[in-house]
C-alpha cells in the first residue's frame, strides 16, 4: 500500500531527497506547545532560515487535516503557532487516530522521526528529546522518543535530554536500547539549558564530516535505529545550573500538587520554568534550537557527499 494516500512531501523536499541533496527535518510541537505566539512562529521560520543558510533544505513536520506533512508552508506554520495547544500533541500511538479522524497534530520527536523516515529524510534537528521522567521508578513515565530512537533510522541533533528529566536513567535506557549517544565537540552530556550535567556521552564527535561518516556507516551496516547527537547550548546563552535546577525543582513540585501527568507534564514544566526564570529559559531554548539546526544542516551537507 502506498504511503502517498497519507503523506504529503513538499515538492522541494521530495526533489532534494530524490537527488540526494541535504534535508533536515524539524518538529512542530515546539511551535504549538513549546513557546507562546508569536515567538513560536518567528522561531520556526528562523530555524528554517538557519538550515537554508547552512546549505540544506528544511522539512518541518506535522499532521494537518489528517495528512502527514514533510515540509510546511509559511501559512501552515502560522496556523500551528496561532492555534497553539489547541493542536493535539502527537506521538507514535496517536498517529493512526489523528490521521483517520482528519485532525491536526503537532509532531513530537518520535512522530517527526517517523514522518522523516517515511519521506526519506535522515537528519532531524530539535531542542531537546524526551526521556525518563523523575520518579519513573514509580510512574513508569518514559518518553516514546527513546523507543523511537531504538527503531527508526533518523539521526537526532539536540541539546541533550530536557533538564526536567532524570538524565542518568535516560542514558541508561538509551544504552539498553543500543542507541549511540554522541557529544558534538564535548565529552559531557549537555543538559538542555546548560552545558554541564556531570554525565559522560558514549563518544565525542568534532566535525560534521565525522558525524556524517558515522551515520553513513551505521546505515551501510544495516543496523536499525537512530543516533542521538547532543550539541551543547552556546556558552553565552547557557544558564547557571543552580538557578535552572531550583526552577525545575519548584516546577516539578507544582506539577505534583496540581496532578499533572502524562503528555501534559513536559509543556507544563517548560512553561513554569520559563515563568520562574523570568523568560530567560525561553531565550536559551530558542538559541539552542538555532545551534542544533546549524549542526544538523552542516552534517546533512556532508552526508549528501557520501
Foldseek 3Di string as FASTA:
>chain_A
DDCVVAEDEPPVLLVCLVQLFFEAEEWQLCQQQVDAPPVSLVLVVVLQVLLVVLRHGYFYWWAAQLHTGGRDDSVVSVVSNVCRPVAAADAPVCNVVCNVVRGIYTYALRRRLVNCLSSNHAEYEAEAHFAAAPPCVPVVAGDCNLVSQLAGRHEYEYQYHALLGDRVVRLVSNVVSVAAEEEAQDQARGHRLAGHDPHGGPYYDHALLRVLVVSVVCVVVVRGGYYYYHYHQPPVLRDDPVLLVVQSVVQVVVCVVVVPDDPRNVSSSSVSSCVSVVNSSVVSSSRRSSVRSNSRSNNSNSNSVD
